[in-house]
Structure formats: structure tokens, C-alpha cells
Amino acid sequence: MPIEKEAWQAIWLTVELATSTTLLLLLLATPLAWWLASTRSRWRLPVSALVTMPLVLPPSVLGFYLLVAMGPDGPLGRFTQALGLGVLSFTFTGLLVGSIVYSLPFAVQPMQHAFEAMGPRPMEVAATLRASPLSAFFTVALPQARTGIITAAVLSFAHTVGEFGVVLMIGGNIPGATRVVSTQIYGYVEAMEYASAHWLAGGMLLFSFVVLLVLASLRRSDTRVLP
């Protein structure tokens, strides 16, 4: 059975959303993970709890509050309207913002654990060699934490691909605009088009299996390099 045009649109939009989310999360989560791994600030625990919150919140709850925040009367909605951007709800940009918030712990935690496992010694050695903190971060910390960074990228991408509750709350199910694979499957099931739903759902199963294989391979290779 050939894949319909609307399904291809959903697949392409999902890949675009997951790629954009992953790239932006790596930029945002790397310094945050480093700060959480190295700071002794009293704000560390509250910030860590805030970052982790999407793991325990029901997606519908998180999606609801993001929808309210992005709406015309919400703080983010007022800000974007003041900039002439309109409201972000039911737009691709809104989906992107929601995906970043929802997938943030999947990016931060693997990198934070990798930075913590590295310990302070490599940075101390770099400092004795007169490397600046910024230079040592890029030349020592990031290469040491490469497995954590790759794991964060894989998990962020996969988690964004599998989103349903948050994207449905924020973006609805608009064809070609906010309809991703998960909501496309939902639409097929609602319409009792089970054959079409099987194609997409089967693809998601295969994708999930490949992601798990990649993560297992990363853990195995990381264990081999340990002394």
C-alpha cells in the first residue's frame, strides 16, 4: 500500500521538527548541563528539578500550560505579539518551543552525567597548562563527554519524533503545518483507516528499535574505553 501524500507531509514535518529541536537543545542544554555538573550554587537543586519536571508531568498538563503561555493573553504570547510575530500556538514555531521544553531533560541529563563522570581533574590539568576556562571546556570537557553528547542528541531526536500529547495541545492537527506522525496516526485511527495507521505505526516501531540499538552500542563502546 503506497504512503499517502498527507502521511509524507507528516513524516517530513516530524523530521524537520526533531532535527530543529535537537540542534537547538544541544546549544541550550550543553552549558546548562555543564553548570549543573560543576556548580555548588544553592540554585542547583531547584534548577535541576525544573529541568527534570517534563519527565514526571503528564504531557497534557505541560501542553496546556504552554498553550496558555503562548496564547494572546499569556506572557509569551504578549511578548511575541509585541515583536510583531503574532501568537505561537498552532504554528510550527510553537511546536518547536514546546518540543524544546518537553525534551529538555533528555538532552541535559546524559551530558550532565558525562560531565560529572569526567571529574574535576582534566580541567585542573588544563588550568595548570594555562588554558582559559572557555578553551579548556571546548578542548577538554566536550571531547571527554562526547558519548553523553551523542546520547543526548539521539534521545532528543527520538523523543521529539514520539511526541503526541504536547504537540496535539499546542499545535492541534493541522495538515502540512502542525500534523506530525503521531497525530497523523491518531487521525487515521479516528477515521478507522487501520491499514494506513499500520504503515506509520510500524515505521515508528522500527525507528524505536534502531534508537535502542544505537544507545546500547554507545553504552558498550563507552564501557570499553574505561580503564
C-alpha atoms as a PDB file:
ATOM      1  CA  MET A   1       0.000   0.000   0.000  1.00  0.00           C
ATOM      2  CA  PRO A   2       1.605   3.329  -1.019  1.00  0.00           C
ATOM      3  CA  ILE A   3       2.003   6.028   1.606  1.00  0.00           C
ATOM      4  CA  GLU A   4      -0.419   8.891   1.066  1.00  0.00           C
ATOM      5  CA  LYS A   5       0.661  12.468   0.455  1.00  0.00           C
ATOM      6  CA  GLU A   6      -0.587  13.648   3.844  1.00  0.00           C
ATOM      7  CA  ALA A   7       1.447  10.920   5.546  1.00  0.00           C
ATOM      8  CA  TRP A   8       4.607  12.039   3.713  1.00  0.00           C
ATOM      9  CA  GLN A   9       3.883  15.601   4.831  1.00  0.00           C
ATOM     10  CA  ALA A  10       3.601  14.402   8.423  1.00  0.00           C
ATOM     11  CA  ILE A  11       6.850  12.434   8.148  1.00  0.00           C
ATOM     12  CA  TRP A  12       8.740  15.386   6.679  1.00  0.00           C
ATOM     13  CA  LEU A  13       7.355  17.770   9.299  1.00  0.00           C
ATOM     14  CA  THR A  14       8.308  15.338  12.060  1.00  0.00           C
ATOM     15  CA  VAL A  15      11.883  15.057  10.774  1.00  0.00           C
ATOM     16  CA  GLU A  16      12.116  18.840  10.446  1.00  0.00           C
ATOM     17  CA  LEU A  17      10.771  19.353  13.967  1.00  0.00           C
ATOM     18  CA  ALA A  18      13.008  16.687  15.520  1.00  0.00           C
ATOM     19  CA  THR A  19      16.132  17.971  13.747  1.00  0.00           C
ATOM     20  CA  SER A  20      15.488  21.596  14.699  1.00  0.00           C
ATOM     21  CA  THR A  21      14.684  20.639  18.286  1.00  0.00           C
ATOM     22  CA  THR A  22      17.821  18.519  18.621  1.00  0.00           C
ATOM     23  CA  LEU A  23      20.153  21.207  17.261  1.00  0.00           C
ATOM     24  CA  LEU A  24      18.675  23.924  19.462  1.00  0.00           C
ATOM     25  CA  LEU A  25      18.682  21.656  22.508  1.00  0.00           C
ATOM     26  CA  LEU A  26      22.367  20.857  22.066  1.00  0.00           C
ATOM     27  CA  LEU A  27      23.110  24.588  22.028  1.00  0.00           C
ATOM     28  CA  LEU A  28      20.950  25.311  25.063  1.00  0.00           C
ATOM     29  CA  ALA A  29      21.458  22.172  27.121  1.00  0.00           C
ATOM     30  CA  THR A  30      25.262  21.891  26.889  1.00  0.00           C
ATOM     31  CA  PRO A  31      26.077  24.979  29.016  1.00  0.00           C
ATOM     32  CA  LEU A  32      23.174  24.157  31.338  1.00  0.00           C
ATOM     33  CA  ALA A  33      24.414  20.584  31.834  1.00  0.00           C
ATOM     34  CA  TRP A  34      27.931  21.859  32.479  1.00  0.00           C
ATOM     35  CA  TRP A  35      26.661  24.331  35.055  1.00  0.00           C
ATOM     36  CA  LEU A  36      24.591  21.664  36.828  1.00  0.00           C
ATOM     37  CA  ALA A  37      27.569  19.290  36.859  1.00  0.00           C
ATOM     38  CA  SER A  38      30.101  21.804  38.193  1.00  0.00           C
ATOM     39  CA  THR A  39      28.272  24.411  40.269  1.00  0.00           C
ATOM     40  CA  ARG A  40      27.856  24.493  44.041  1.00  0.00           C
ATOM     41  CA  SER A  41      25.175  27.150  43.869  1.00  0.00           C
ATOM     42  CA  ARG A  42      22.113  26.840  46.093  1.00  0.00           C
ATOM     43  CA  TRP A  43      20.062  27.180  42.889  1.00  0.00           C
ATOM     44  CA  ARG A  44      21.375  23.893  41.537  1.00  0.00           C
ATOM     45  CA  LEU A  45      18.645  21.680  43.033  1.00  0.00           C
ATOM     46  CA  PRO A  46      15.697  23.945  42.078  1.00  0.00           C
ATOM     47  CA  VAL A  47      17.023  24.342  38.533  1.00  0.00           C
ATOM     48  CA  SER A  48      17.656  20.605  38.258  1.00  0.00           C
ATOM     49  CA  ALA A  49      14.099  19.895  39.442  1.00  0.00           C
ATOM     50  CA  LEU A  50      12.695  22.390  36.946  1.00  0.00           C
ATOM     51  CA  VAL A  51      14.660  20.806  34.093  1.00  0.00           C
ATOM     52  CA  THR A  52      13.526  17.319  35.115  1.00  0.00           C
ATOM     53  CA  MET A  53       9.856  18.258  35.542  1.00  0.00           C
ATOM     54  CA  PRO A  54       8.783  17.273  31.968  1.00  0.00           C
ATOM     55  CA  LEU A  55       9.716  13.671  32.843  1.00  0.00           C
ATOM     56  CA  VAL A  56       7.023  13.445  35.519  1.00  0.00           C
ATOM     57  CA  LEU A  57       4.371  15.853  34.274  1.00  0.00           C
ATOM     58  CA  PRO A  58       1.597  14.411  32.092  1.00  0.00           C
ATOM     59  CA  PRO A  59       2.155  15.718  28.544  1.00  0.00           C
ATOM     60  CA  SER A  60      -1.368  17.135  28.507  1.00  0.00           C
ATOM     61  CA  VAL A  61      -0.614  19.252  31.590  1.00  0.00           C
ATOM     62  CA  LEU A  62       2.634  20.567  30.154  1.00  0.00           C
ATOM     63  CA  GLY A  63       0.990  21.168  26.791  1.00  0.00           C
ATOM     64  CA  PHE A  64      -1.920  23.014  28.414  1.00  0.00           C
ATOM     65  CA  TYR A  65       0.280  25.467  30.287  1.00  0.00           C
ATOM     66  CA  LEU A  66       2.479  26.019  27.247  1.00  0.00           C
ATOM     67  CA  LEU A  67      -0.666  26.698  25.221  1.00  0.00           C
ATOM     68  CA  VAL A  68      -1.829  29.226  27.818  1.00  0.00           C
ATOM     69  CA  ALA A  69       1.624  30.871  27.897  1.00  0.00           C
ATOM     70  CA  MET A  70       1.704  31.157  24.106  1.00  0.00           C
ATOM     71  CA  GLY A  71      -1.884  32.382  23.811  1.00  0.00           C
ATOM     72  CA  PRO A  72      -2.833  36.019  23.201  1.00  0.00           C
ATOM     73  CA  ASP A  73      -3.201  36.667  26.945  1.00  0.00           C
ATOM     74  CA  GLY A  74      -0.178  34.634  28.052  1.00  0.00           C
ATOM     75  CA  PRO A  75       3.225  36.137  28.873  1.00  0.00           C
ATOM     76  CA  LEU A  76       4.955  34.569  25.885  1.00  0.00           C
ATOM     77  CA  GLY A  77       2.007  35.433  23.642  1.00  0.00           C
ATOM     78  CA  ARG A  78       2.107  39.093  24.688  1.00  0.00           C
ATOM     79  CA  PHE A  79       5.850  39.185  24.086  1.00  0.00           C
ATOM     80  CA  THR A  80       5.666  37.668  20.592  1.00  0.00           C
ATOM     81  CA  GLN A  81       2.763  39.946  19.684  1.00  0.00           C
ATOM     82  CA  ALA A  82       4.756  42.976  20.837  1.00  0.00           C
ATOM     83  CA  LEU A  83       7.519  41.859  18.475  1.00  0.00           C
ATOM     84  CA  GLY A  84       5.004  41.596  15.627  1.00  0.00           C
ATOM     85  CA  LEU A  85       5.271  37.803  15.464  1.00  0.00           C
ATOM     86  CA  GLY A  86       1.703  37.045  16.489  1.00  0.00           C
ATOM     87  CA  VAL A  87       0.911  34.093  18.755  1.00  0.00           C
ATOM     88  CA  LEU A  88       2.898  30.866  18.527  1.00  0.00           C
ATOM     89  CA  SER A  89       0.108  28.441  19.341  1.00  0.00           C
ATOM     90  CA  PHE A  90      -0.984  26.245  16.416  1.00  0.00           C
ATOM     91  CA  THR A  91       2.188  27.084  14.457  1.00  0.00           C
ATOM     92  CA  PHE A  92       5.383  25.163  13.697  1.00  0.00           C
ATOM     93  CA  THR A  93       7.364  27.622  15.835  1.00  0.00           C
ATOM     94  CA  GLY A  94       5.031  26.878  18.726  1.00  0.00           C
ATOM     95  CA  LEU A  95       5.637  23.157  18.244  1.00  0.00           C
ATOM     96  CA  LEU A  96       9.370  23.843  18.286  1.00  0.00           C
ATOM     97  CA  VAL A  97       9.192  25.774  21.566  1.00  0.00           C
ATOM     98  CA  GLY A  98       7.051  23.060  23.148  1.00  0.00           C
ATOM     99  CA  SER A  99       9.363  20.302  21.896  1.00  0.00           C
ATOM    100  CA  ILE A 100      12.409  22.034  23.366  1.00  0.00           C
ATOM    101  CA  VAL A 101      10.746  22.302  26.780  1.00  0.00           C
ATOM    102  CA  TYR A 102       9.392  18.750  26.656  1.00  0.00           C
ATOM    103  CA  SER A 103      12.659  17.144  25.544  1.00  0.00           C
ATOM    104  CA  LEU A 104      14.990  19.295  27.667  1.00  0.00           C
ATOM    105  CA  PRO A 105      15.742  16.636  30.318  1.00  0.00           C
ATOM    106  CA  PHE A 106      16.604  14.102  27.619  1.00  0.00           C
ATOM    107  CA  ALA A 107      19.335  16.457  26.429  1.00  0.00           C
ATOM    108  CA  VAL A 108      20.567  17.769  29.770  1.00  0.00           C
ATOM    109  CA  GLN A 109      20.792  14.603  31.848  1.00  0.00           C
ATOM    110  CA  PRO A 110      23.088  12.475  29.607  1.00  0.00           C
ATOM    111  CA  MET A 111      25.508  15.393  29.226  1.00  0.00           C
ATOM    112  CA  GLN A 112      25.354  16.262  32.909  1.00  0.00           C
ATOM    113  CA  HIS A 113      26.167  12.664  33.851  1.00  0.00           C
ATOM    114  CA  ALA A 114      29.044  12.615  31.355  1.00  0.00           C
ATOM    115  CA  PHE A 115      30.492  15.850  32.758  1.00  0.00           C
ATOM    116  CA  GLU A 116      30.148  14.551  36.321  1.00  0.00           C
ATOM    117  CA  ALA A 117      31.822  11.246  35.412  1.00  0.00           C
ATOM    118  CA  MET A 118      34.752  13.193  33.961  1.00  0.00           C
ATOM    119  CA  GLY A 119      35.545  14.685  37.371  1.00  0.00           C
ATOM    120  CA  PRO A 120      37.472  17.906  38.038  1.00  0.00           C
ATOM    121  CA  ARG A 121      40.950  16.520  37.304  1.00  0.00           C
ATOM    122  CA  PRO A 122      41.085  17.110  33.497  1.00  0.00           C
ATOM    123  CA  MET A 123      40.040  20.746  33.894  1.00  0.00           C
ATOM    124  CA  GLU A 124      42.565  21.257  36.680  1.00  0.00           C
ATOM    125  CA  VAL A 125      45.335  19.874  34.467  1.00  0.00           C
ATOM    126  CA  ALA A 126      44.231  22.188  31.641  1.00  0.00           C
ATOM    127  CA  ALA A 127      44.336  25.144  34.039  1.00  0.00           C
ATOM    128  CA  THR A 128      47.918  24.307  35.071  1.00  0.00           C
ATOM    129  CA  LEU A 129      48.803  24.410  31.376  1.00  0.00           C
ATOM    130  CA  ARG A 130      47.380  27.960  31.283  1.00  0.00           C
ATOM    131  CA  ALA A 131      44.326  27.114  29.249  1.00  0.00           C
ATOM    132  CA  SER A 132      41.444  29.520  29.775  1.00  0.00           C
ATOM    133  CA  PRO A 133      38.208  28.058  31.211  1.00  0.00           C
ATOM    134  CA  LEU A 134      36.473  28.516  27.847  1.00  0.00           C
ATOM    135  CA  SER A 135      39.331  26.931  25.925  1.00  0.00           C
ATOM    136  CA  ALA A 136      39.502  24.022  28.367  1.00  0.00           C
ATOM    137  CA  PHE A 137      35.764  23.491  28.050  1.00  0.00           C
ATOM    138  CA  PHE A 138      35.946  23.152  24.262  1.00  0.00           C
ATOM    139  CA  THR A 139      39.218  21.209  24.075  1.00  0.00           C
ATOM    140  CA  VAL A 140      38.919  19.010  27.174  1.00  0.00           C
ATOM    141  CA  ALA A 141      35.391  18.809  28.594  1.00  0.00           C
ATOM    142  CA  LEU A 142      33.444  18.422  25.359  1.00  0.00           C
ATOM    143  CA  PRO A 143      35.678  15.688  23.879  1.00  0.00           C
ATOM    144  CA  GLN A 144      35.599  13.825  27.214  1.00  0.00           C
ATOM    145  CA  ALA A 145      31.805  13.976  27.260  1.00  0.00           C
ATOM    146  CA  ARG A 146      31.288  13.044  23.604  1.00  0.00           C
ATOM    147  CA  THR A 147      29.333   9.857  24.384  1.00  0.00           C
ATOM    148  CA  GLY A 148      26.958  11.807  26.608  1.00  0.00           C
ATOM    149  CA  ILE A 149      26.524  14.439  23.925  1.00  0.00           C
ATOM    150  CA  ILE A 150      25.761  11.852  21.229  1.00  0.00           C
ATOM    151  CA  THR A 151      23.333  10.096  23.588  1.00  0.00           C
ATOM    152  CA  ALA A 152      21.630  13.427  24.293  1.00  0.00           C
ATOM    153  CA  ALA A 153      21.253  14.100  20.562  1.00  0.00           C
ATOM    154  CA  VAL A 154      19.831  10.627  19.842  1.00  0.00           C
ATOM    155  CA  LEU A 155      17.385  10.773  22.768  1.00  0.00           C
ATOM    156  CA  SER A 156      16.268  14.321  21.953  1.00  0.00           C
ATOM    157  CA  PHE A 157      15.584  13.425  18.332  1.00  0.00           C
ATOM    158  CA  ALA A 158      13.781  10.184  19.198  1.00  0.00           C
ATOM    159  CA  HIS A 159      11.727  11.763  21.966  1.00  0.00           C
ATOM    160  CA  THR A 160      10.612  14.578  19.688  1.00  0.00           C
ATOM    161  CA  VAL A 161       9.606  12.090  16.991  1.00  0.00           C
ATOM    162  CA  GLY A 162       7.456  10.251  19.527  1.00  0.00           C
ATOM    163  CA  GLU A 163       5.670  13.296  20.971  1.00  0.00           C
ATOM    164  CA  PHE A 164       1.902  13.247  20.984  1.00  0.00           C
ATOM    165  CA  GLY A 165       0.191  14.966  23.906  1.00  0.00           C
ATOM    166  CA  VAL A 166       2.255  18.146  23.853  1.00  0.00           C
ATOM    167  CA  VAL A 167       2.148  18.646  20.088  1.00  0.00           C
ATOM    168  CA  LEU A 168      -1.576  17.941  19.969  1.00  0.00           C
ATOM    169  CA  MET A 169      -2.258  20.515  22.707  1.00  0.00           C
ATOM    170  CA  ILE A 170      -0.005  23.214  21.241  1.00  0.00           C
ATOM    171  CA  GLY A 171      -0.351  22.641  17.519  1.00  0.00           C
ATOM    172  CA  GLY A 172      -3.604  20.810  17.046  1.00  0.00           C
ATOM    173  CA  ASN A 173      -3.631  18.599  13.964  1.00  0.00           C
ATOM    174  CA  ILE A 174      -3.330  20.983  11.009  1.00  0.00           C
ATOM    175  CA  PRO A 175      -2.264  19.186   7.780  1.00  0.00           C
ATOM    176  CA  GLY A 176       1.057  20.449   6.413  1.00  0.00           C
ATOM    177  CA  ALA A 177       1.518  22.849   9.334  1.00  0.00           C
ATOM    178  CA  THR A 178       1.423  21.053  12.698  1.00  0.00           C
ATOM    179  CA  ARG A 179       0.378  17.480  11.873  1.00  0.00           C
ATOM    180  CA  VAL A 180       3.271  15.175  12.767  1.00  0.00           C
ATOM    181  CA  VAL A 181       3.496  11.390  12.558  1.00  0.00           C
ATOM    182  CA  SER A 182       1.977  10.722  15.982  1.00  0.00           C
ATOM    183  CA  THR A 183      -1.065  12.916  15.326  1.00  0.00           C
ATOM    184  CA  GLN A 184      -1.357  11.510  11.796  1.00  0.00           C
ATOM    185  CA  ILE A 185      -1.633   8.011  13.266  1.00  0.00           C
ATOM    186  CA  TYR A 186      -4.235   9.324  15.699  1.00  0.00           C
ATOM    187  CA  GLY A 187      -6.189  10.787  12.798  1.00  0.00           C
ATOM    188  CA  TYR A 188      -6.052   7.509  10.887  1.00  0.00           C
ATOM    189  CA  VAL A 189      -7.326   5.568  13.896  1.00  0.00           C
ATOM    190  CA  GLU A 190     -10.140   8.056  14.472  1.00  0.00           C
ATOM    191  CA  ALA A 191     -11.153   7.596  10.835  1.00  0.00           C
ATOM    192  CA  MET A 192     -10.794   3.793  11.229  1.00  0.00           C
ATOM    193  CA  GLU A 193      -8.181   3.728   8.458  1.00  0.00           C
ATOM    194  CA  TYR A 194      -6.210   0.994  10.179  1.00  0.00           C
ATOM    195  CA  ALA A 195      -4.158  -0.047   7.152  1.00  0.00           C
ATOM    196  CA  SER A 196      -2.670   3.452   6.837  1.00  0.00           C
ATOM    197  CA  ALA A 197      -2.147   3.601  10.609  1.00  0.00           C
ATOM    198  CA  HIS A 198      -0.229   0.291  10.437  1.00  0.00           C
ATOM    199  CA  TRP A 199       2.264   1.716   7.937  1.00  0.00           C
ATOM    200  CA  LEU A 200       3.169   4.691  10.100  1.00  0.00           C
ATOM    201  CA  ALA A 201       2.970   2.832  13.410  1.00  0.00           C
ATOM    202  CA  GLY A 202       5.191   0.073  12.039  1.00  0.00           C
ATOM    203  CA  GLY A 203       7.710   2.651  10.926  1.00  0.00           C
ATOM    204  CA  MET A 204       7.717   4.114  14.436  1.00  0.00           C
ATOM    205  CA  LEU A 205       8.308   0.657  15.910  1.00  0.00           C
ATOM    206  CA  LEU A 206      11.284   0.100  13.611  1.00  0.00           C
ATOM    207  CA  PHE A 207      12.646   3.570  14.380  1.00  0.00           C
ATOM    208  CA  SER A 208      12.374   2.943  18.138  1.00  0.00           C
ATOM    209  CA  PHE A 209      14.210  -0.375  17.794  1.00  0.00           C
ATOM    210  CA  VAL A 210      17.058   1.276  15.876  1.00  0.00           C
ATOM    211  CA  VAL A 211      17.336   4.031  18.504  1.00  0.00           C
ATOM    212  CA  LEU A 212      17.628   1.449  21.280  1.00  0.00           C
ATOM    213  CA  LEU A 213      20.329  -0.397  19.324  1.00  0.00           C
ATOM    214  CA  VAL A 214      22.283   2.838  18.866  1.00  0.00           C
ATOM    215  CA  LEU A 215      22.051   3.684  22.571  1.00  0.00           C
ATOM    216  CA  ALA A 216      23.136   0.159  23.556  1.00  0.00           C
ATOM    217  CA  SER A 217      26.077   0.425  21.173  1.00  0.00           C
ATOM    218  CA  LEU A 218      27.075   3.773  22.674  1.00  0.00           C
ATOM    219  CA  ARG A 219      26.991   2.392  26.206  1.00  0.00           C
ATOM    220  CA  ARG A 220      29.025  -0.626  25.158  1.00  0.00           C
ATOM    221  CA  SER A 221      31.690   1.443  23.395  1.00  0.00           C
ATOM    222  CA  ASP A 222      31.837   3.842  26.365  1.00  0.00           C
ATOM    223  CA  THR A 223      32.412   0.917  28.738  1.00  0.00           C
ATOM    224  CA  ARG A 224      35.258  -0.399  26.587  1.00  0.00           C
ATOM    225  CA  VAL A 225      37.249   2.845  26.828  1.00  0.00           C
ATOM    226  CA  LEU A 226      37.035   2.943  30.625  1.00  0.00           C
ATOM    227  CA  PRO A 227      40.265   1.949  32.372  1.00  0.00           C
END
